[in-house]
Amino acid sequence: MKEVQITIINKLGLHARAASKLVSISNRFEARMELGRSGRFVDAKNIIALLLASMSKGTEITLRAEGPDEEAALEAVCALIRNRFDEPE
C-alpha cells in the first residue's frame, strides 16, 4: 500500500463536479483507492462517500492506494488535485 499527503487547492473544494472527476479517474485503475483525513477514510471510487466527506479548500488529505497499479493511480489523482480538478481557480 502506498500513500501520499496532498492539499485540496481549488476554490470550491471537493464539490460534485470535482468528486465526479476524481471517481472517474480512480475507476480507471485496478488498485483500491481511499482518501481521508484525521484517520477517517472513504472509498475514492464512491461519489456519495466523497461528497459526504466534505473536503473544502485547504483541507490536507491522505490518498491511499493498494494494488498492482497503485503508483500510477496515486499519480493520476494527485495530478487532478494539483490541476484544481481542471477548474479555473
N, C-alpha and C. Protein backbone atom coordinates (compact mmCIF):
# COMPACT_ATOMS: atom_id res chain seq x y z
N MET A 1 0.84 -1.18 0.00
CA MET A 1 0.00 0.00 0.00
C MET A 1 0.88 1.24 0.00
N LYS A 2 0.54 2.17 -0.85
CA LYS A 2 1.24 3.45 -0.93
C LYS A 2 0.28 4.54 -0.48
N GLU A 3 0.84 5.59 0.09
CA GLU A 3 0.01 6.74 0.45
C GLU A 3 0.79 8.02 0.29
N VAL A 4 0.05 9.09 0.00
CA VAL A 4 0.63 10.42 -0.16
C VAL A 4 -0.28 11.44 0.53
N GLN A 5 0.31 12.56 0.93
CA GLN A 5 -0.44 13.68 1.51
C GLN A 5 -0.54 14.76 0.44
N ILE A 6 -1.69 15.36 0.34
CA ILE A 6 -1.90 16.44 -0.63
C ILE A 6 -2.99 17.36 -0.07
N THR A 7 -2.97 18.61 -0.52
CA THR A 7 -3.95 19.60 -0.05
C THR A 7 -4.91 19.94 -1.17
N ILE A 8 -6.19 20.00 -0.85
CA ILE A 8 -7.21 20.44 -1.82
C ILE A 8 -7.00 21.93 -2.02
N ILE A 9 -6.73 22.34 -3.26
CA ILE A 9 -6.39 23.74 -3.50
C ILE A 9 -7.40 24.50 -4.37
N ASN A 10 -8.36 23.78 -4.95
CA ASN A 10 -9.32 24.51 -5.79
C ASN A 10 -10.31 25.27 -4.91
N LYS A 11 -10.84 26.32 -5.46
CA LYS A 11 -11.68 27.26 -4.72
C LYS A 11 -12.89 26.62 -4.06
N LEU A 12 -13.55 25.69 -4.74
CA LEU A 12 -14.79 25.11 -4.24
C LEU A 12 -14.61 23.80 -3.48
N GLY A 13 -13.39 23.34 -3.35
CA GLY A 13 -13.14 22.09 -2.64
C GLY A 13 -13.63 20.89 -3.42
N LEU A 14 -13.92 19.82 -2.71
CA LEU A 14 -14.35 18.58 -3.35
C LEU A 14 -15.87 18.59 -3.50
N HIS A 15 -16.35 19.41 -4.42
CA HIS A 15 -17.78 19.54 -4.71
C HIS A 15 -18.18 18.47 -5.73
N ALA A 16 -19.41 18.46 -6.17
CA ALA A 16 -19.94 17.39 -7.01
C ALA A 16 -19.16 17.16 -8.31
N ARG A 17 -18.87 18.21 -9.04
CA ARG A 17 -18.16 18.04 -10.32
C ARG A 17 -16.73 17.54 -10.08
N ALA A 18 -16.06 18.07 -9.07
CA ALA A 18 -14.71 17.63 -8.74
C ALA A 18 -14.71 16.17 -8.28
N ALA A 19 -15.68 15.82 -7.44
CA ALA A 19 -15.78 14.44 -6.95
C ALA A 19 -16.05 13.48 -8.11
N SER A 20 -16.86 13.90 -9.06
CA SER A 20 -17.15 13.07 -10.22
C SER A 20 -15.88 12.80 -11.03
N LYS A 21 -15.06 13.82 -11.21
CA LYS A 21 -13.80 13.65 -11.93
C LYS A 21 -12.86 12.73 -11.17
N LEU A 22 -12.81 12.87 -9.85
CA LEU A 22 -11.95 12.03 -9.04
C LEU A 22 -12.39 10.56 -9.13
N VAL A 23 -13.68 10.31 -9.06
CA VAL A 23 -14.20 8.95 -9.18
C VAL A 23 -13.89 8.39 -10.57
N SER A 24 -14.06 9.20 -11.59
CA SER A 24 -13.79 8.75 -12.95
C SER A 24 -12.33 8.31 -13.11
N ILE A 25 -11.43 9.10 -12.62
CA ILE A 25 -10.00 8.75 -12.72
C ILE A 25 -9.69 7.54 -11.84
N SER A 26 -10.21 7.50 -10.64
CA SER A 26 -9.95 6.38 -9.74
C SER A 26 -10.41 5.05 -10.33
N ASN A 27 -11.54 5.08 -11.03
CA ASN A 27 -12.08 3.86 -11.61
C ASN A 27 -11.30 3.35 -12.81
N ARG A 28 -10.37 4.11 -13.32
CA ARG A 28 -9.51 3.64 -14.41
C ARG A 28 -8.47 2.64 -13.93
N PHE A 29 -8.31 2.55 -12.62
CA PHE A 29 -7.26 1.72 -12.05
C PHE A 29 -7.84 0.55 -11.28
N GLU A 30 -7.09 -0.52 -11.25
CA GLU A 30 -7.49 -1.72 -10.51
C GLU A 30 -7.29 -1.54 -9.01
N ALA A 31 -6.33 -0.72 -8.63
CA ALA A 31 -6.00 -0.53 -7.21
C ALA A 31 -7.20 -0.04 -6.41
N ARG A 32 -7.30 -0.51 -5.19
CA ARG A 32 -8.29 0.00 -4.24
C ARG A 32 -7.78 1.37 -3.79
N MET A 33 -8.64 2.36 -3.84
CA MET A 33 -8.22 3.72 -3.50
C MET A 33 -9.10 4.32 -2.43
N GLU A 34 -8.46 5.02 -1.49
CA GLU A 34 -9.17 5.71 -0.42
C GLU A 34 -8.56 7.08 -0.23
N LEU A 35 -9.36 7.99 0.27
CA LEU A 35 -8.81 9.27 0.70
C LEU A 35 -9.49 9.67 1.99
N GLY A 36 -8.76 10.44 2.78
CA GLY A 36 -9.33 10.83 4.05
C GLY A 36 -8.48 11.80 4.81
N ARG A 37 -8.93 12.07 6.02
CA ARG A 37 -8.23 12.98 6.92
C ARG A 37 -8.55 12.56 8.35
N SER A 38 -7.69 12.90 9.23
CA SER A 38 -7.86 12.59 10.65
C SER A 38 -8.18 11.12 10.90
N GLY A 39 -7.57 10.24 10.11
CA GLY A 39 -7.75 8.81 10.30
C GLY A 39 -9.06 8.23 9.79
N ARG A 40 -9.88 9.05 9.17
CA ARG A 40 -11.18 8.60 8.63
C ARG A 40 -11.09 8.58 7.11
N PHE A 41 -11.21 7.40 6.53
CA PHE A 41 -11.04 7.24 5.09
C PHE A 41 -12.34 6.82 4.41
N VAL A 42 -12.47 7.24 3.14
CA VAL A 42 -13.62 6.85 2.32
C VAL A 42 -13.11 6.29 1.00
N ASP A 43 -13.96 5.53 0.35
CA ASP A 43 -13.65 4.92 -0.94
C ASP A 43 -13.59 6.02 -2.02
N ALA A 44 -12.45 6.13 -2.68
CA ALA A 44 -12.29 7.17 -3.71
C ALA A 44 -13.03 6.84 -5.00
N LYS A 45 -13.65 5.67 -5.06
CA LYS A 45 -14.42 5.27 -6.24
C LYS A 45 -15.92 5.40 -5.99
N ASN A 46 -16.29 6.02 -4.88
CA ASN A 46 -17.69 6.15 -4.49
C ASN A 46 -18.03 7.64 -4.32
N ILE A 47 -18.79 8.18 -5.26
CA ILE A 47 -19.05 9.62 -5.25
C ILE A 47 -19.83 10.07 -4.00
N ILE A 48 -20.76 9.25 -3.54
CA ILE A 48 -21.53 9.63 -2.35
C ILE A 48 -20.60 9.75 -1.14
N ALA A 49 -19.71 8.78 -0.99
CA ALA A 49 -18.76 8.81 0.13
C ALA A 49 -17.88 10.05 0.06
N LEU A 50 -17.44 10.40 -1.15
CA LEU A 50 -16.59 11.58 -1.30
C LEU A 50 -17.34 12.86 -0.94
N LEU A 51 -18.57 12.97 -1.40
CA LEU A 51 -19.35 14.18 -1.10
C LEU A 51 -19.64 14.30 0.40
N LEU A 52 -19.92 13.18 1.04
CA LEU A 52 -20.20 13.21 2.48
C LEU A 52 -18.95 13.51 3.30
N ALA A 53 -17.77 13.30 2.72
CA ALA A 53 -16.52 13.58 3.44
C ALA A 53 -16.31 15.08 3.63
N SER A 54 -16.98 15.90 2.83
CA SER A 54 -16.96 17.35 2.98
C SER A 54 -15.55 17.92 3.11
N MET A 55 -14.83 17.96 2.01
CA MET A 55 -13.44 18.45 2.00
C MET A 55 -13.37 19.76 1.24
N SER A 56 -13.15 20.84 1.96
CA SER A 56 -13.12 22.17 1.37
C SER A 56 -11.69 22.57 1.01
N LYS A 57 -11.58 23.74 0.39
CA LYS A 57 -10.27 24.27 0.03
C LYS A 57 -9.39 24.35 1.28
N GLY A 58 -8.15 23.91 1.14
CA GLY A 58 -7.20 23.96 2.25
C GLY A 58 -7.15 22.69 3.08
N THR A 59 -8.05 21.76 2.81
CA THR A 59 -8.07 20.51 3.57
C THR A 59 -6.89 19.64 3.14
N GLU A 60 -6.08 19.22 4.10
CA GLU A 60 -4.98 18.30 3.81
C GLU A 60 -5.52 16.89 3.93
N ILE A 61 -5.34 16.12 2.85
CA ILE A 61 -5.87 14.76 2.84
C ILE A 61 -4.75 13.75 2.61
N THR A 62 -5.05 12.52 2.93
CA THR A 62 -4.16 11.41 2.64
C THR A 62 -4.82 10.55 1.59
N LEU A 63 -4.09 10.26 0.52
CA LEU A 63 -4.56 9.34 -0.51
C LEU A 63 -3.86 8.03 -0.30
N ARG A 64 -4.61 6.92 -0.35
CA ARG A 64 -4.02 5.60 -0.23
C ARG A 64 -4.47 4.75 -1.41
N ALA A 65 -3.54 3.93 -1.90
CA ALA A 65 -3.87 3.01 -2.98
C ALA A 65 -3.17 1.69 -2.71
N GLU A 66 -3.88 0.61 -3.05
CA GLU A 66 -3.30 -0.71 -2.88
C GLU A 66 -3.72 -1.57 -4.07
N GLY A 67 -2.72 -2.07 -4.77
CA GLY A 67 -3.00 -2.92 -5.92
C GLY A 67 -1.87 -2.84 -6.92
N PRO A 68 -1.99 -3.56 -8.02
CA PRO A 68 -0.90 -3.65 -8.98
C PRO A 68 -0.53 -2.32 -9.65
N ASP A 69 -1.47 -1.40 -9.75
CA ASP A 69 -1.20 -0.11 -10.40
C ASP A 69 -1.32 1.05 -9.42
N GLU A 70 -1.00 0.79 -8.15
CA GLU A 70 -1.19 1.79 -7.10
C GLU A 70 -0.41 3.08 -7.33
N GLU A 71 0.82 2.98 -7.80
CA GLU A 71 1.62 4.20 -8.03
C GLU A 71 1.02 5.06 -9.13
N ALA A 72 0.62 4.43 -10.23
CA ALA A 72 0.02 5.18 -11.33
C ALA A 72 -1.30 5.81 -10.89
N ALA A 73 -2.06 5.10 -10.08
CA ALA A 73 -3.34 5.62 -9.59
C ALA A 73 -3.12 6.86 -8.72
N LEU A 74 -2.16 6.78 -7.81
CA LEU A 74 -1.87 7.94 -6.95
C LEU A 74 -1.38 9.12 -7.77
N GLU A 75 -0.52 8.86 -8.74
CA GLU A 75 -0.02 9.95 -9.59
C GLU A 75 -1.14 10.63 -10.35
N ALA A 76 -2.07 9.85 -10.88
CA ALA A 76 -3.18 10.42 -11.65
C ALA A 76 -4.10 11.27 -10.79
N VAL A 77 -4.43 10.78 -9.61
CA VAL A 77 -5.32 11.54 -8.72
C VAL A 77 -4.61 12.79 -8.20
N CYS A 78 -3.35 12.67 -7.85
CA CYS A 78 -2.60 13.85 -7.39
C CYS A 78 -2.50 14.90 -8.49
N ALA A 79 -2.31 14.47 -9.72
CA ALA A 79 -2.24 15.42 -10.84
C ALA A 79 -3.58 16.15 -10.99
N LEU A 80 -4.68 15.43 -10.84
CA LEU A 80 -6.00 16.05 -10.92
C LEU A 80 -6.18 17.11 -9.82
N ILE A 81 -5.78 16.76 -8.61
CA ILE A 81 -5.93 17.70 -7.49
C ILE A 81 -5.02 18.91 -7.67
N ARG A 82 -3.77 18.67 -8.08
CA ARG A 82 -2.84 19.79 -8.32
C ARG A 82 -3.33 20.69 -9.43
N ASN A 83 -4.07 20.13 -10.39
CA ASN A 83 -4.59 20.89 -11.51
C ASN A 83 -5.97 21.50 -11.19
N ARG A 84 -6.28 21.52 -9.89
CA ARG A 84 -7.54 22.12 -9.41
C ARG A 84 -8.77 21.50 -10.07
N PHE A 85 -8.72 20.19 -10.32
CA PHE A 85 -9.83 19.47 -10.93
C PHE A 85 -10.22 20.08 -12.27
N ASP A 86 -9.23 20.64 -12.98
CA ASP A 86 -9.42 21.26 -14.29
C ASP A 86 -10.36 22.46 -14.24
N GLU A 87 -10.42 23.12 -13.08
CA GLU A 87 -11.23 24.32 -12.92
C GLU A 87 -10.33 25.55 -12.99
N PRO A 88 -10.89 26.71 -13.36
CA PRO A 88 -10.05 27.91 -13.50
C PRO A 88 -9.40 28.37 -12.20
N GLU A 89 -10.03 28.15 -11.07
CA GLU A 89 -9.46 28.59 -9.78
C GLU A 89 -9.42 27.46 -8.80
